[in-house]
Amino acid sequence: MSDIEFKILPINSAAARAAERAEYLDVRMRMEGCDESSIGRALLLVAELDGMSRIAQACGLSVETLRRQLNGTRPLYLETVLGVMRAMKLQLRVEDRVPAD
């Protein structure tokens, strides 16, 4: 056996679900034409899967207000985006955008 250890997460574990959600959001944010609306909809889907009531409570918002911000009915604030990410135990990061050759 090699010195490299592979960590395989159980399919239904909380860590596996968090990794799936993080990957989904990362792909959406990297898409060409990503804007406030597409980020909001992606966060809405993930928040619904994770439990909208819990996420809204962690953000200090009602479920209806959070849903309206994420679906584009009301303005989406950075504070809300960060609150949703924290509530799901995800981290938003910034990296260099390497131009395609």
N, C-alpha and C. Protein backbone atom coordinates (compact mmCIF):
# COMPACT_ATOMS: atom_id res chain seq x y z
N MET A 1 0.84 -1.17 0.00
CA MET A 1 0.00 0.00 0.00
C MET A 1 0.89 1.25 0.00
N SER A 2 0.46 2.28 -0.71
CA SER A 2 1.27 3.49 -0.82
C SER A 2 1.10 4.38 0.40
N ASP A 3 1.92 5.42 0.44
CA ASP A 3 1.84 6.39 1.54
C ASP A 3 0.63 7.31 1.41
N ILE A 4 0.01 7.32 0.24
CA ILE A 4 -1.14 8.19 0.00
C ILE A 4 -2.39 7.50 0.53
N GLU A 5 -3.12 8.23 1.36
CA GLU A 5 -4.37 7.69 1.87
C GLU A 5 -5.52 8.39 1.18
N PHE A 6 -6.49 7.63 0.76
CA PHE A 6 -7.67 8.18 0.11
C PHE A 6 -8.80 8.20 1.12
N LYS A 7 -9.45 9.32 1.18
CA LYS A 7 -10.58 9.46 2.09
C LYS A 7 -11.85 9.33 1.27
N ILE A 8 -12.56 8.27 1.46
CA ILE A 8 -13.82 8.05 0.77
C ILE A 8 -14.95 8.31 1.75
N LEU A 9 -15.80 9.26 1.38
CA LEU A 9 -16.91 9.63 2.24
C LEU A 9 -18.10 8.72 2.00
N PRO A 10 -18.78 8.29 3.07
CA PRO A 10 -20.01 7.53 2.88
C PRO A 10 -20.99 8.34 2.03
N ILE A 11 -21.72 7.68 1.16
CA ILE A 11 -22.59 8.35 0.19
C ILE A 11 -23.57 9.32 0.84
N ASN A 12 -24.17 8.97 1.93
CA ASN A 12 -25.19 9.82 2.55
C ASN A 12 -24.69 10.60 3.76
N SER A 13 -23.39 10.70 3.90
CA SER A 13 -22.86 11.42 5.06
C SER A 13 -23.05 12.93 4.89
N ALA A 14 -23.04 13.63 6.01
CA ALA A 14 -23.15 15.09 5.96
C ALA A 14 -21.98 15.69 5.19
N ALA A 15 -20.80 15.13 5.34
CA ALA A 15 -19.63 15.64 4.63
C ALA A 15 -19.77 15.45 3.12
N ALA A 16 -20.32 14.31 2.71
CA ALA A 16 -20.52 14.05 1.28
C ALA A 16 -21.56 15.01 0.71
N ARG A 17 -22.63 15.26 1.45
CA ARG A 17 -23.67 16.19 0.98
C ARG A 17 -23.11 17.61 0.89
N ALA A 18 -22.32 18.01 1.87
CA ALA A 18 -21.71 19.34 1.85
C ALA A 18 -20.76 19.47 0.65
N ALA A 19 -20.00 18.43 0.38
CA ALA A 19 -19.08 18.45 -0.76
C ALA A 19 -19.84 18.56 -2.07
N GLU A 20 -20.95 17.86 -2.19
CA GLU A 20 -21.79 17.95 -3.39
C GLU A 20 -22.33 19.35 -3.58
N ARG A 21 -22.83 19.94 -2.51
CA ARG A 21 -23.39 21.29 -2.59
C ARG A 21 -22.31 22.32 -2.93
N ALA A 22 -21.15 22.16 -2.33
CA ALA A 22 -20.04 23.07 -2.62
C ALA A 22 -19.63 22.96 -4.09
N GLU A 23 -19.55 21.76 -4.60
CA GLU A 23 -19.19 21.55 -6.00
C GLU A 23 -20.24 22.16 -6.93
N TYR A 24 -21.51 21.95 -6.62
CA TYR A 24 -22.60 22.51 -7.42
C TYR A 24 -22.50 24.03 -7.47
N LEU A 25 -22.32 24.67 -6.32
CA LEU A 25 -22.23 26.13 -6.27
C LEU A 25 -20.97 26.63 -6.98
N ASP A 26 -19.88 25.94 -6.82
CA ASP A 26 -18.64 26.33 -7.47
C ASP A 26 -18.78 26.29 -8.99
N VAL A 27 -19.38 25.24 -9.51
CA VAL A 27 -19.59 25.13 -10.95
C VAL A 27 -20.49 26.26 -11.44
N ARG A 28 -21.55 26.55 -10.72
CA ARG A 28 -22.47 27.62 -11.13
C ARG A 28 -21.78 28.98 -11.14
N MET A 29 -20.96 29.24 -10.14
CA MET A 29 -20.29 30.54 -10.07
C MET A 29 -19.20 30.71 -11.12
N ARG A 30 -18.71 29.61 -11.64
CA ARG A 30 -17.67 29.67 -12.67
C ARG A 30 -18.24 29.74 -14.08
N MET A 31 -19.53 29.53 -14.22
CA MET A 31 -20.15 29.51 -15.54
C MET A 31 -20.07 30.89 -16.19
N GLU A 32 -19.92 30.88 -17.50
CA GLU A 32 -19.93 32.13 -18.27
C GLU A 32 -21.31 32.79 -18.08
N GLY A 33 -21.31 34.07 -17.85
CA GLY A 33 -22.57 34.78 -17.68
C GLY A 33 -23.16 34.66 -16.28
N CYS A 34 -22.36 34.18 -15.34
CA CYS A 34 -22.84 34.07 -13.96
C CYS A 34 -23.18 35.47 -13.45
N ASP A 35 -24.36 35.61 -12.89
CA ASP A 35 -24.78 36.91 -12.37
C ASP A 35 -25.53 36.72 -11.06
N GLU A 36 -26.02 37.82 -10.50
CA GLU A 36 -26.74 37.79 -9.23
C GLU A 36 -27.90 36.79 -9.26
N SER A 37 -28.64 36.80 -10.34
CA SER A 37 -29.81 35.94 -10.47
C SER A 37 -29.44 34.45 -10.45
N SER A 38 -28.42 34.09 -11.22
CA SER A 38 -28.04 32.67 -11.27
C SER A 38 -27.45 32.21 -9.95
N ILE A 39 -26.69 33.07 -9.28
CA ILE A 39 -26.16 32.72 -7.96
C ILE A 39 -27.30 32.56 -6.96
N GLY A 40 -28.25 33.47 -6.98
CA GLY A 40 -29.40 33.40 -6.09
C GLY A 40 -30.19 32.12 -6.26
N ARG A 41 -30.46 31.76 -7.53
CA ARG A 41 -31.22 30.52 -7.79
C ARG A 41 -30.46 29.29 -7.33
N ALA A 42 -29.15 29.27 -7.56
CA ALA A 42 -28.34 28.14 -7.12
C ALA A 42 -28.36 28.02 -5.59
N LEU A 43 -28.22 29.16 -4.91
CA LEU A 43 -28.29 29.16 -3.44
C LEU A 43 -29.67 28.74 -2.95
N LEU A 44 -30.72 29.16 -3.65
CA LEU A 44 -32.07 28.78 -3.28
C LEU A 44 -32.24 27.27 -3.33
N LEU A 45 -31.79 26.66 -4.41
CA LEU A 45 -31.90 25.21 -4.53
C LEU A 45 -31.15 24.50 -3.42
N VAL A 46 -29.93 24.92 -3.16
CA VAL A 46 -29.12 24.28 -2.12
C VAL A 46 -29.72 24.52 -0.74
N ALA A 47 -30.23 25.73 -0.50
CA ALA A 47 -30.85 26.03 0.80
C ALA A 47 -32.10 25.18 1.01
N GLU A 48 -32.87 24.97 -0.05
CA GLU A 48 -34.06 24.12 0.08
C GLU A 48 -33.66 22.69 0.40
N LEU A 49 -32.61 22.21 -0.20
CA LEU A 49 -32.13 20.85 0.08
C LEU A 49 -31.58 20.73 1.50
N ASP A 50 -31.00 21.80 1.99
CA ASP A 50 -30.37 21.79 3.31
C ASP A 50 -31.36 22.11 4.44
N GLY A 51 -32.51 22.67 4.10
CA GLY A 51 -33.51 23.03 5.10
C GLY A 51 -33.68 24.54 5.18
N MET A 52 -34.63 25.05 4.43
CA MET A 52 -34.82 26.48 4.31
C MET A 52 -35.09 27.15 5.65
N SER A 53 -35.84 26.54 6.52
CA SER A 53 -36.14 27.14 7.83
C SER A 53 -34.88 27.35 8.65
N ARG A 54 -34.03 26.35 8.67
CA ARG A 54 -32.78 26.44 9.44
C ARG A 54 -31.86 27.49 8.85
N ILE A 55 -31.77 27.53 7.53
CA ILE A 55 -30.90 28.50 6.86
C ILE A 55 -31.41 29.92 7.12
N ALA A 56 -32.72 30.14 6.96
CA ALA A 56 -33.31 31.46 7.18
C ALA A 56 -33.08 31.93 8.61
N GLN A 57 -33.27 31.03 9.56
CA GLN A 57 -33.08 31.38 10.97
C GLN A 57 -31.62 31.77 11.22
N ALA A 58 -30.70 31.03 10.64
CA ALA A 58 -29.28 31.34 10.82
C ALA A 58 -28.92 32.69 10.20
N CYS A 59 -29.64 33.09 9.14
CA CYS A 59 -29.41 34.39 8.49
C CYS A 59 -30.16 35.52 9.17
N GLY A 60 -31.03 35.19 10.12
CA GLY A 60 -31.82 36.22 10.79
C GLY A 60 -32.94 36.76 9.93
N LEU A 61 -33.42 35.94 9.00
CA LEU A 61 -34.48 36.33 8.08
C LEU A 61 -35.65 35.35 8.19
N SER A 62 -36.81 35.79 7.75
CA SER A 62 -37.92 34.85 7.64
C SER A 62 -37.69 33.99 6.39
N VAL A 63 -38.33 32.86 6.35
CA VAL A 63 -38.21 31.98 5.19
C VAL A 63 -38.66 32.72 3.93
N GLU A 64 -39.76 33.47 4.04
CA GLU A 64 -40.29 34.19 2.88
C GLU A 64 -39.32 35.25 2.37
N THR A 65 -38.71 36.00 3.29
CA THR A 65 -37.74 37.03 2.88
C THR A 65 -36.52 36.40 2.23
N LEU A 66 -36.01 35.32 2.82
CA LEU A 66 -34.86 34.65 2.24
C LEU A 66 -35.20 34.12 0.85
N ARG A 67 -36.34 33.48 0.73
CA ARG A 67 -36.77 32.93 -0.56
C ARG A 67 -36.88 34.05 -1.61
N ARG A 68 -37.44 35.19 -1.23
CA ARG A 68 -37.59 36.31 -2.17
C ARG A 68 -36.24 36.87 -2.61
N GLN A 69 -35.30 36.94 -1.68
CA GLN A 69 -33.97 37.42 -2.05
C GLN A 69 -33.28 36.45 -3.00
N LEU A 70 -33.41 35.16 -2.71
CA LEU A 70 -32.70 34.18 -3.52
C LEU A 70 -33.36 33.94 -4.88
N ASN A 71 -34.68 34.15 -4.97
CA ASN A 71 -35.34 33.91 -6.27
C ASN A 71 -35.39 35.16 -7.13
N GLY A 72 -34.86 36.27 -6.64
CA GLY A 72 -34.77 37.47 -7.45
C GLY A 72 -35.92 38.44 -7.31
N THR A 73 -36.90 38.12 -6.46
CA THR A 73 -38.03 39.02 -6.24
C THR A 73 -37.58 40.26 -5.47
N ARG A 74 -36.60 40.11 -4.61
CA ARG A 74 -36.02 41.22 -3.84
C ARG A 74 -34.52 41.24 -4.09
N PRO A 75 -33.86 42.36 -3.84
CA PRO A 75 -32.40 42.41 -4.06
C PRO A 75 -31.67 41.39 -3.19
N LEU A 76 -30.64 40.81 -3.76
CA LEU A 76 -29.81 39.84 -3.04
C LEU A 76 -28.59 40.58 -2.49
N TYR A 77 -28.43 40.52 -1.19
CA TYR A 77 -27.33 41.22 -0.52
C TYR A 77 -26.19 40.26 -0.24
N LEU A 78 -24.97 40.79 -0.29
CA LEU A 78 -23.80 39.98 0.02
C LEU A 78 -23.92 39.37 1.42
N GLU A 79 -24.46 40.13 2.34
CA GLU A 79 -24.66 39.63 3.71
C GLU A 79 -25.50 38.36 3.71
N THR A 80 -26.52 38.32 2.86
CA THR A 80 -27.38 37.14 2.76
C THR A 80 -26.61 35.97 2.15
N VAL A 81 -25.87 36.24 1.08
CA VAL A 81 -25.08 35.19 0.44
C VAL A 81 -24.12 34.57 1.45
N LEU A 82 -23.39 35.41 2.17
CA LEU A 82 -22.44 34.91 3.17
C LEU A 82 -23.14 34.17 4.30
N GLY A 83 -24.31 34.67 4.72
CA GLY A 83 -25.07 34.01 5.77
C GLY A 83 -25.53 32.62 5.36
N VAL A 84 -26.02 32.49 4.13
CA VAL A 84 -26.45 31.19 3.62
C VAL A 84 -25.25 30.24 3.56
N MET A 85 -24.14 30.74 3.06
CA MET A 85 -22.94 29.90 2.96
C MET A 85 -22.49 29.43 4.35
N ARG A 86 -22.47 30.35 5.31
CA ARG A 86 -22.06 29.97 6.67
C ARG A 86 -23.02 28.95 7.28
N ALA A 87 -24.31 29.17 7.07
CA ALA A 87 -25.31 28.26 7.63
C ALA A 87 -25.15 26.84 7.07
N MET A 88 -24.67 26.74 5.84
CA MET A 88 -24.46 25.43 5.22
C MET A 88 -23.04 24.93 5.45
N LYS A 89 -22.27 25.70 6.26
CA LYS A 89 -20.88 25.34 6.56
C LYS A 89 -20.04 25.27 5.29
N LEU A 90 -20.29 26.22 4.39
CA LEU A 90 -19.52 26.36 3.16
C LEU A 90 -18.77 27.67 3.21
N GLN A 91 -17.74 27.79 2.41
CA GLN A 91 -16.91 28.98 2.41
C GLN A 91 -16.84 29.53 0.99
N LEU A 92 -17.02 30.82 0.88
CA LEU A 92 -16.87 31.51 -0.40
C LEU A 92 -15.42 31.96 -0.50
N ARG A 93 -14.79 31.71 -1.65
CA ARG A 93 -13.41 32.13 -1.81
C ARG A 93 -13.21 32.79 -3.17
N VAL A 94 -12.13 33.51 -3.27
CA VAL A 94 -11.79 34.22 -4.50
C VAL A 94 -10.45 33.70 -4.98
N GLU A 95 -10.35 33.53 -6.29
CA GLU A 95 -9.07 33.09 -6.85
C GLU A 95 -8.83 33.80 -8.17
N ASP A 96 -7.61 33.76 -8.64
CA ASP A 96 -7.25 34.34 -9.92
C ASP A 96 -8.07 33.71 -11.03
N ARG A 97 -8.50 34.53 -11.94
CA ARG A 97 -9.19 34.01 -13.12
C ARG A 97 -8.15 33.93 -14.23
N VAL A 98 -7.81 32.74 -14.60
CA VAL A 98 -6.78 32.51 -15.61
C VAL A 98 -7.44 32.56 -16.98
N PRO A 99 -7.00 33.47 -17.85
CA PRO A 99 -7.62 33.54 -19.17
C PRO A 99 -7.33 32.29 -19.99
N ALA A 100 -8.33 31.85 -20.76
CA ALA A 100 -8.17 30.68 -21.62
C ALA A 100 -7.27 31.04 -22.80
N ASP A 101 -6.38 30.14 -23.15
CA ASP A 101 -5.48 30.39 -24.31
C ASP A 101 -6.17 30.09 -25.60
